[in-house]
Amino acid sequence: MVYNIGAILGGVLFGAWSERIGRGRAIVIAALLSLPTLPLWVMVGSPVLLALGAFLMQFMVQGAWGVIPAHLNELSPDEARGTFPGFVYQLGNLLASANATIQAAIAAHYGNDYGLALGVVAAIVAIVIAALTGFGVEAKGVAFGLTGARPQAARS
């Protein structure tokens, strides 16, 4: 329940903030802010600290992933807007399908430390999302329905 509240608040805050600073910046900031919360999320023994870590992690994760659908729609050409975001999400699911096996292998290699395995995978994903988005195009404010039209923000 605690981390779901964090996810809701993170999605709302970063979603609103992305209207001001741009989708890409909001995604990058949320993804990178998840990194300092990792130890609190995966390496504590106290239930209170674990709840705090889960709240903060989900706040940042949903802060990034809550903005990604809008970002993908704004990047999509008009003729692919109905397909592109869903395709990208399903491609992500395909890549993530190996996640449990990868985490189990990492944990087994490090003495069944599943917290470490979860943290390593989450850190890698956060860094990859921040890098891909940070070096990508910003399309906030694109006018839908005008094939070929790009927003002024894309030049900044």
N, C-alpha and C. Protein backbone atom coordinates (compact mmCIF):
# COMPACT_ATOMS: atom_id res chain seq x y z
N MET A 1 0.82 -1.18 0.00
CA MET A 1 0.00 0.00 0.00
C MET A 1 0.88 1.26 0.00
N VAL A 2 1.94 1.23 0.78
CA VAL A 2 2.81 2.39 0.88
C VAL A 2 3.47 2.70 -0.46
N TYR A 3 3.97 1.66 -1.15
CA TYR A 3 4.64 1.96 -2.41
C TYR A 3 3.66 2.33 -3.50
N ASN A 4 2.41 1.86 -3.41
CA ASN A 4 1.40 2.29 -4.38
C ASN A 4 1.08 3.78 -4.24
N ILE A 5 1.07 4.26 -3.01
CA ILE A 5 0.86 5.69 -2.78
C ILE A 5 2.03 6.47 -3.38
N GLY A 6 3.25 5.97 -3.18
CA GLY A 6 4.42 6.60 -3.79
C GLY A 6 4.33 6.64 -5.31
N ALA A 7 3.87 5.54 -5.90
CA ALA A 7 3.74 5.47 -7.36
C ALA A 7 2.72 6.48 -7.87
N ILE A 8 1.59 6.58 -7.19
CA ILE A 8 0.56 7.53 -7.61
C ILE A 8 1.09 8.96 -7.52
N LEU A 9 1.69 9.28 -6.39
CA LEU A 9 2.20 10.64 -6.20
C LEU A 9 3.33 10.96 -7.18
N GLY A 10 4.21 10.00 -7.43
CA GLY A 10 5.31 10.21 -8.37
C GLY A 10 4.80 10.43 -9.79
N GLY A 11 3.82 9.63 -10.19
CA GLY A 11 3.25 9.79 -11.52
C GLY A 11 2.58 11.14 -11.69
N VAL A 12 1.84 11.57 -10.68
CA VAL A 12 1.15 12.85 -10.76
C VAL A 12 2.15 14.00 -10.76
N LEU A 13 3.12 13.97 -9.83
CA LEU A 13 4.08 15.07 -9.73
C LEU A 13 4.95 15.18 -10.99
N PHE A 14 5.56 14.07 -11.40
CA PHE A 14 6.44 14.14 -12.56
C PHE A 14 5.64 14.37 -13.85
N GLY A 15 4.41 13.86 -13.91
CA GLY A 15 3.58 14.13 -15.07
C GLY A 15 3.29 15.62 -15.21
N ALA A 16 2.91 16.25 -14.12
CA ALA A 16 2.64 17.69 -14.14
C ALA A 16 3.93 18.46 -14.42
N TRP A 17 5.01 18.03 -13.80
CA TRP A 17 6.30 18.71 -13.98
C TRP A 17 6.79 18.59 -15.42
N SER A 18 6.48 17.46 -16.07
CA SER A 18 6.91 17.26 -17.45
C SER A 18 6.26 18.26 -18.40
N GLU A 19 5.12 18.81 -18.01
CA GLU A 19 4.49 19.85 -18.81
C GLU A 19 5.32 21.13 -18.80
N ARG A 20 6.07 21.34 -17.75
CA ARG A 20 6.89 22.55 -17.62
C ARG A 20 8.30 22.36 -18.16
N ILE A 21 8.93 21.25 -17.80
CA ILE A 21 10.36 21.08 -18.12
C ILE A 21 10.61 20.17 -19.31
N GLY A 22 9.57 19.52 -19.82
CA GLY A 22 9.72 18.61 -20.94
C GLY A 22 9.67 17.16 -20.46
N ARG A 23 9.18 16.30 -21.33
CA ARG A 23 9.03 14.88 -20.99
C ARG A 23 10.38 14.24 -20.73
N GLY A 24 11.32 14.47 -21.64
CA GLY A 24 12.63 13.84 -21.52
C GLY A 24 13.34 14.20 -20.22
N ARG A 25 13.33 15.47 -19.90
CA ARG A 25 13.99 15.90 -18.65
C ARG A 25 13.34 15.27 -17.43
N ALA A 26 12.01 15.21 -17.42
CA ALA A 26 11.31 14.61 -16.28
C ALA A 26 11.65 13.13 -16.15
N ILE A 27 11.70 12.42 -17.27
CA ILE A 27 12.04 11.00 -17.24
C ILE A 27 13.46 10.80 -16.74
N VAL A 28 14.40 11.58 -17.26
CA VAL A 28 15.80 11.46 -16.86
C VAL A 28 15.97 11.76 -15.37
N ILE A 29 15.37 12.83 -14.91
CA ILE A 29 15.50 13.20 -13.49
C ILE A 29 14.92 12.12 -12.59
N ALA A 30 13.73 11.63 -12.91
CA ALA A 30 13.12 10.58 -12.08
C ALA A 30 13.95 9.31 -12.10
N ALA A 31 14.43 8.91 -13.27
CA ALA A 31 15.24 7.69 -13.36
C ALA A 31 16.53 7.83 -12.55
N LEU A 32 17.19 8.97 -12.68
CA LEU A 32 18.45 9.15 -11.95
C LEU A 32 18.23 9.31 -10.44
N LEU A 33 17.12 9.91 -10.05
CA LEU A 33 16.82 10.02 -8.62
C LEU A 33 16.47 8.68 -7.98
N SER A 34 16.13 7.69 -8.81
CA SER A 34 15.87 6.36 -8.25
C SER A 34 17.16 5.72 -7.75
N LEU A 35 18.30 6.10 -8.32
CA LEU A 35 19.57 5.47 -7.95
C LEU A 35 19.95 5.66 -6.47
N PRO A 36 19.85 6.88 -5.92
CA PRO A 36 20.19 7.01 -4.50
C PRO A 36 19.22 6.30 -3.55
N THR A 37 18.02 5.99 -4.03
CA THR A 37 17.05 5.30 -3.17
C THR A 37 17.26 3.79 -3.14
N LEU A 38 18.07 3.28 -4.08
CA LEU A 38 18.26 1.83 -4.16
C LEU A 38 18.71 1.17 -2.86
N PRO A 39 19.73 1.68 -2.19
CA PRO A 39 20.16 1.00 -0.95
C PRO A 39 19.04 0.94 0.10
N LEU A 40 18.28 2.01 0.20
CA LEU A 40 17.19 2.03 1.17
C LEU A 40 16.10 1.03 0.78
N TRP A 41 15.95 0.78 -0.50
CA TRP A 41 14.91 -0.10 -1.02
C TRP A 41 15.30 -1.57 -0.91
N VAL A 42 16.58 -1.90 -1.07
CA VAL A 42 16.95 -3.31 -1.15
C VAL A 42 17.88 -3.81 -0.05
N MET A 43 18.43 -2.93 0.77
CA MET A 43 19.47 -3.38 1.70
C MET A 43 19.23 -2.97 3.15
N VAL A 44 17.99 -2.83 3.56
CA VAL A 44 17.71 -2.46 4.95
C VAL A 44 17.01 -3.61 5.66
N GLY A 45 17.12 -3.64 6.97
CA GLY A 45 16.49 -4.69 7.75
C GLY A 45 15.23 -4.23 8.46
N SER A 46 15.05 -2.94 8.57
CA SER A 46 13.91 -2.38 9.29
C SER A 46 12.68 -2.27 8.38
N PRO A 47 11.52 -2.73 8.86
CA PRO A 47 10.30 -2.59 8.05
C PRO A 47 9.96 -1.14 7.72
N VAL A 48 10.24 -0.22 8.64
CA VAL A 48 9.92 1.19 8.42
C VAL A 48 10.82 1.75 7.30
N LEU A 49 12.12 1.44 7.37
CA LEU A 49 13.03 1.91 6.33
C LEU A 49 12.73 1.25 4.99
N LEU A 50 12.36 -0.02 5.02
CA LEU A 50 11.98 -0.71 3.79
C LEU A 50 10.75 -0.06 3.16
N ALA A 51 9.77 0.30 3.98
CA ALA A 51 8.57 0.98 3.47
C ALA A 51 8.93 2.34 2.89
N LEU A 52 9.82 3.07 3.56
CA LEU A 52 10.27 4.36 3.05
C LEU A 52 11.00 4.18 1.72
N GLY A 53 11.89 3.19 1.67
CA GLY A 53 12.61 2.91 0.43
C GLY A 53 11.67 2.52 -0.70
N ALA A 54 10.67 1.69 -0.40
CA ALA A 54 9.70 1.27 -1.42
C ALA A 54 8.89 2.47 -1.90
N PHE A 55 8.47 3.34 -0.98
CA PHE A 55 7.74 4.54 -1.34
C PHE A 55 8.57 5.41 -2.29
N LEU A 56 9.82 5.69 -1.89
CA LEU A 56 10.67 6.55 -2.71
C LEU A 56 11.00 5.92 -4.06
N MET A 57 11.27 4.61 -4.08
CA MET A 57 11.58 3.95 -5.34
C MET A 57 10.39 4.00 -6.29
N GLN A 58 9.21 3.68 -5.80
CA GLN A 58 8.04 3.70 -6.66
C GLN A 58 7.66 5.12 -7.07
N PHE A 59 7.94 6.09 -6.22
CA PHE A 59 7.72 7.50 -6.57
C PHE A 59 8.55 7.85 -7.80
N MET A 60 9.82 7.45 -7.79
CA MET A 60 10.71 7.75 -8.91
C MET A 60 10.41 6.89 -10.13
N VAL A 61 10.16 5.61 -9.92
CA VAL A 61 9.88 4.71 -11.05
C VAL A 61 8.62 5.17 -11.78
N GLN A 62 7.55 5.42 -11.06
CA GLN A 62 6.33 5.87 -11.73
C GLN A 62 6.48 7.29 -12.22
N GLY A 63 7.36 8.06 -11.58
CA GLY A 63 7.65 9.39 -12.10
C GLY A 63 8.22 9.31 -13.51
N ALA A 64 9.09 8.34 -13.75
CA ALA A 64 9.66 8.15 -15.10
C ALA A 64 8.68 7.43 -16.01
N TRP A 65 8.21 6.27 -15.58
CA TRP A 65 7.36 5.44 -16.45
C TRP A 65 5.98 6.04 -16.66
N GLY A 66 5.53 6.89 -15.77
CA GLY A 66 4.25 7.55 -15.97
C GLY A 66 4.29 8.58 -17.09
N VAL A 67 5.47 9.12 -17.38
CA VAL A 67 5.63 10.13 -18.43
C VAL A 67 5.96 9.47 -19.78
N ILE A 68 6.53 8.29 -19.74
CA ILE A 68 6.98 7.63 -20.98
C ILE A 68 5.86 7.47 -22.01
N PRO A 69 4.62 7.07 -21.65
CA PRO A 69 3.59 6.95 -22.69
C PRO A 69 3.32 8.27 -23.44
N ALA A 70 3.27 9.37 -22.71
CA ALA A 70 3.07 10.67 -23.38
C ALA A 70 4.25 10.98 -24.28
N HIS A 71 5.46 10.70 -23.79
CA HIS A 71 6.67 10.95 -24.57
C HIS A 71 6.66 10.11 -25.86
N LEU A 72 6.31 8.84 -25.75
CA LEU A 72 6.27 7.97 -26.93
C LEU A 72 5.22 8.45 -27.93
N ASN A 73 4.06 8.86 -27.45
CA ASN A 73 3.02 9.36 -28.36
C ASN A 73 3.47 10.63 -29.07
N GLU A 74 4.17 11.50 -28.37
CA GLU A 74 4.65 12.72 -28.99
C GLU A 74 5.78 12.46 -29.99
N LEU A 75 6.53 11.39 -29.79
CA LEU A 75 7.59 11.03 -30.74
C LEU A 75 7.04 10.32 -31.97
N SER A 76 5.86 9.73 -31.86
CA SER A 76 5.30 8.90 -32.94
C SER A 76 4.82 9.75 -34.10
N PRO A 77 5.14 9.31 -35.32
CA PRO A 77 4.52 9.96 -36.48
C PRO A 77 3.02 9.68 -36.47
N ASP A 78 2.26 10.58 -37.04
CA ASP A 78 0.80 10.44 -37.03
C ASP A 78 0.33 9.07 -37.49
N GLU A 79 0.92 8.57 -38.57
CA GLU A 79 0.45 7.31 -39.14
C GLU A 79 0.79 6.09 -38.28
N ALA A 80 1.66 6.24 -37.28
CA ALA A 80 2.03 5.11 -36.42
C ALA A 80 1.66 5.33 -34.96
N ARG A 81 0.98 6.41 -34.66
CA ARG A 81 0.71 6.77 -33.27
C ARG A 81 -0.13 5.72 -32.55
N GLY A 82 -0.99 5.04 -33.25
CA GLY A 82 -1.80 4.00 -32.64
C GLY A 82 -1.03 2.72 -32.38
N THR A 83 0.10 2.55 -33.05
CA THR A 83 0.86 1.31 -32.96
C THR A 83 2.19 1.46 -32.22
N PHE A 84 2.90 2.54 -32.48
CA PHE A 84 4.26 2.71 -31.99
C PHE A 84 4.40 2.59 -30.47
N PRO A 85 3.62 3.35 -29.67
CA PRO A 85 3.80 3.23 -28.21
C PRO A 85 3.54 1.81 -27.69
N GLY A 86 2.52 1.16 -28.20
CA GLY A 86 2.22 -0.21 -27.79
C GLY A 86 3.32 -1.17 -28.20
N PHE A 87 3.85 -0.99 -29.40
CA PHE A 87 4.95 -1.83 -29.87
C PHE A 87 6.17 -1.66 -28.97
N VAL A 88 6.50 -0.43 -28.62
CA VAL A 88 7.66 -0.18 -27.76
C VAL A 88 7.45 -0.81 -26.39
N TYR A 89 6.25 -0.67 -25.84
CA TYR A 89 5.98 -1.29 -24.54
C TYR A 89 6.10 -2.81 -24.61
N GLN A 90 5.57 -3.41 -25.67
CA GLN A 90 5.66 -4.87 -25.79
C GLN A 90 7.10 -5.33 -26.05
N LEU A 91 7.87 -4.53 -26.75
CA LEU A 91 9.29 -4.83 -26.92
C LEU A 91 10.00 -4.80 -25.56
N GLY A 92 9.62 -3.83 -24.74
CA GLY A 92 10.15 -3.77 -23.37
C GLY A 92 9.76 -5.00 -22.57
N ASN A 93 8.52 -5.46 -22.72
CA ASN A 93 8.08 -6.68 -22.04
C ASN A 93 8.88 -7.89 -22.50
N LEU A 94 9.16 -7.94 -23.80
CA LEU A 94 9.98 -9.04 -24.33
C LEU A 94 11.35 -9.04 -23.68
N LEU A 95 11.98 -7.88 -23.62
CA LEU A 95 13.30 -7.80 -22.99
C LEU A 95 13.23 -8.12 -21.50
N ALA A 96 12.16 -7.68 -20.84
CA ALA A 96 12.02 -7.91 -19.40
C ALA A 96 11.62 -9.34 -19.07
N SER A 97 11.22 -10.11 -20.06
CA SER A 97 10.80 -11.49 -19.77
C SER A 97 11.92 -12.34 -19.20
N ALA A 98 13.15 -11.96 -19.46
CA ALA A 98 14.29 -12.69 -18.92
C ALA A 98 14.70 -12.16 -17.54
N ASN A 99 14.02 -11.13 -17.06
CA ASN A 99 14.41 -10.45 -15.83
C ASN A 99 14.50 -11.38 -14.62
N ALA A 100 13.51 -12.19 -14.38
CA ALA A 100 13.51 -13.07 -13.21
C ALA A 100 14.68 -14.04 -13.26
N THR A 101 14.95 -14.60 -14.43
CA THR A 101 16.07 -15.53 -14.58
C THR A 101 17.40 -14.83 -14.36
N ILE A 102 17.53 -13.62 -14.91
CA ILE A 102 18.77 -12.85 -14.73
C ILE A 102 18.98 -12.52 -13.25
N GLN A 103 17.92 -12.06 -12.59
CA GLN A 103 18.05 -11.72 -11.17
C GLN A 103 18.37 -12.95 -10.33
N ALA A 104 17.77 -14.07 -10.64
CA ALA A 104 18.05 -15.30 -9.89
C ALA A 104 19.51 -15.73 -10.10
N ALA A 105 20.02 -15.58 -11.30
CA ALA A 105 21.42 -15.94 -11.57
C ALA A 105 22.37 -15.01 -10.83
N ILE A 106 22.07 -13.71 -10.83
CA ILE A 106 22.92 -12.76 -10.09
C ILE A 106 22.89 -13.09 -8.61
N ALA A 107 21.69 -13.32 -8.08
CA ALA A 107 21.55 -13.63 -6.65
C ALA A 107 22.31 -14.90 -6.30
N ALA A 108 22.18 -15.94 -7.12
CA ALA A 108 22.87 -17.21 -6.86
C ALA A 108 24.38 -17.01 -6.86
N HIS A 109 24.85 -16.17 -7.78
CA HIS A 109 26.30 -15.92 -7.86
C HIS A 109 26.81 -15.20 -6.61
N TYR A 110 25.97 -14.38 -5.99
CA TYR A 110 26.37 -13.61 -4.81
C TYR A 110 25.71 -14.13 -3.53
N GLY A 111 25.69 -15.45 -3.37
CA GLY A 111 25.23 -16.06 -2.13
C GLY A 111 23.74 -15.88 -1.87
N ASN A 112 22.93 -15.96 -2.91
CA ASN A 112 21.48 -15.80 -2.79
C ASN A 112 21.05 -14.44 -2.25
N ASP A 113 21.80 -13.40 -2.61
CA ASP A 113 21.47 -12.04 -2.20
C ASP A 113 20.53 -11.43 -3.24
N TYR A 114 19.24 -11.64 -3.03
CA TYR A 114 18.24 -11.15 -3.99
C TYR A 114 18.09 -9.64 -3.93
N GLY A 115 18.37 -9.03 -2.79
CA GLY A 115 18.35 -7.57 -2.71
C GLY A 115 19.39 -6.96 -3.62
N LEU A 116 20.58 -7.53 -3.60
CA LEU A 116 21.65 -7.05 -4.48
C LEU A 116 21.26 -7.24 -5.94
N ALA A 117 20.73 -8.40 -6.27
CA ALA A 117 20.34 -8.68 -7.66
C ALA A 117 19.27 -7.70 -8.13
N LEU A 118 18.28 -7.46 -7.30
CA LEU A 118 17.21 -6.53 -7.64
C LEU A 118 17.77 -5.12 -7.83
N GLY A 119 18.66 -4.73 -6.93
CA GLY A 119 19.27 -3.40 -7.02
C GLY A 119 20.12 -3.21 -8.25
N VAL A 120 20.91 -4.23 -8.60
CA VAL A 120 21.77 -4.15 -9.78
C VAL A 120 20.92 -3.99 -11.04
N VAL A 121 19.91 -4.82 -11.17
CA VAL A 121 19.04 -4.75 -12.37
C VAL A 121 18.31 -3.41 -12.42
N ALA A 122 17.77 -2.96 -11.30
CA ALA A 122 17.06 -1.68 -11.27
C ALA A 122 17.99 -0.53 -11.63
N ALA A 123 19.22 -0.56 -11.14
CA ALA A 123 20.19 0.49 -11.45
C ALA A 123 20.52 0.51 -12.94
N ILE A 124 20.74 -0.65 -13.51
CA ILE A 124 21.05 -0.73 -14.94
C ILE A 124 19.88 -0.18 -15.77
N VAL A 125 18.67 -0.59 -15.43
CA VAL A 125 17.50 -0.12 -16.18
C VAL A 125 17.35 1.39 -16.04
N ALA A 126 17.53 1.93 -14.84
CA ALA A 126 17.40 3.38 -14.63
C ALA A 126 18.44 4.14 -15.46
N ILE A 127 19.66 3.65 -15.48
CA ILE A 127 20.72 4.31 -16.25
C ILE A 127 20.45 4.23 -17.75
N VAL A 128 20.01 3.08 -18.21
CA VAL A 128 19.70 2.92 -19.64
C VAL A 128 18.55 3.84 -20.05
N ILE A 129 17.48 3.88 -19.25
CA ILE A 129 16.34 4.75 -19.56
C ILE A 129 16.78 6.21 -19.56
N ALA A 130 17.57 6.61 -18.57
CA ALA A 130 18.04 8.00 -18.52
C ALA A 130 18.92 8.32 -19.73
N ALA A 131 19.80 7.41 -20.11
CA ALA A 131 20.68 7.67 -21.25
C ALA A 131 19.90 7.73 -22.56
N LEU A 132 19.05 6.74 -22.79
CA LEU A 132 18.28 6.72 -24.04
C LEU A 132 17.39 7.95 -24.16
N THR A 133 16.75 8.33 -23.07
CA THR A 133 15.86 9.48 -23.11
C THR A 133 16.65 10.78 -23.17
N GLY A 134 17.73 10.86 -22.40
CA GLY A 134 18.52 12.08 -22.35
C GLY A 134 19.17 12.42 -23.68
N PHE A 135 19.58 11.41 -24.42
CA PHE A 135 20.21 11.66 -25.71
C PHE A 135 19.20 11.65 -26.85
N GLY A 136 17.94 11.40 -26.53
CA GLY A 136 16.89 11.35 -27.55
C GLY A 136 16.31 12.72 -27.83
N VAL A 137 15.26 12.72 -28.60
CA VAL A 137 14.58 13.94 -29.04
C VAL A 137 13.47 14.29 -28.06
N GLU A 138 13.31 15.57 -27.79
CA GLU A 138 12.18 16.06 -27.00
C GLU A 138 11.10 16.50 -27.97
N ALA A 139 9.89 16.02 -27.77
CA ALA A 139 8.81 16.37 -28.69
C ALA A 139 7.59 16.92 -27.96
N LYS A 140 7.77 17.37 -26.72
CA LYS A 140 6.64 17.92 -25.96
C LYS A 140 6.02 19.08 -26.74
N GLY A 141 4.73 19.05 -26.85
CA GLY A 141 4.03 20.12 -27.53
C GLY A 141 3.80 19.89 -29.01
N VAL A 142 4.15 18.70 -29.50
CA VAL A 142 3.93 18.40 -30.91
C VAL A 142 2.44 18.52 -31.25
N ALA A 143 2.17 19.02 -32.43
CA ALA A 143 0.78 19.14 -32.88
C ALA A 143 0.38 17.83 -33.55
N PHE A 144 -0.53 17.10 -32.93
CA PHE A 144 -0.99 15.84 -33.50
C PHE A 144 -1.84 16.10 -34.74
N GLY A 145 -1.75 15.19 -35.68
CA GLY A 145 -2.57 15.29 -36.88
C GLY A 145 -1.94 16.11 -37.99
N LEU A 146 -0.76 16.61 -37.76
CA LEU A 146 -0.06 17.40 -38.77
C LEU A 146 1.20 16.66 -39.16
N THR A 147 1.09 15.69 -40.04
CA THR A 147 2.23 14.84 -40.43
C THR A 147 3.40 15.71 -40.82
N GLY A 148 4.54 15.39 -40.26
CA GLY A 148 5.77 16.10 -40.57
C GLY A 148 6.01 17.32 -39.70
N ALA A 149 4.99 17.80 -38.98
CA ALA A 149 5.18 18.97 -38.13
C ALA A 149 5.93 18.57 -36.87
N ARG A 150 6.91 19.33 -36.49
CA ARG A 150 7.68 19.09 -35.27
C ARG A 150 7.54 20.31 -34.37
N PRO A 151 7.55 20.14 -33.08
CA PRO A 151 7.37 21.27 -32.16
C PRO A 151 8.62 22.14 -32.10
N GLN A 152 8.43 23.35 -31.65
CA GLN A 152 9.56 24.25 -31.44
C GLN A 152 10.52 23.69 -30.40
N ALA A 153 10.01 22.96 -29.41
CA ALA A 153 10.84 22.44 -28.32
C ALA A 153 11.87 21.44 -28.81
N ALA A 154 11.67 20.85 -29.97
CA ALA A 154 12.60 19.83 -30.48
C ALA A 154 13.96 20.43 -30.80
N ARG A 155 14.02 21.74 -30.99
CA ARG A 155 15.28 22.38 -31.31
C ARG A 155 16.09 22.74 -30.08
N SER A 156 15.49 22.67 -28.91
CA SER A 156 16.21 23.07 -27.70
C SER A 156 16.96 21.95 -27.07
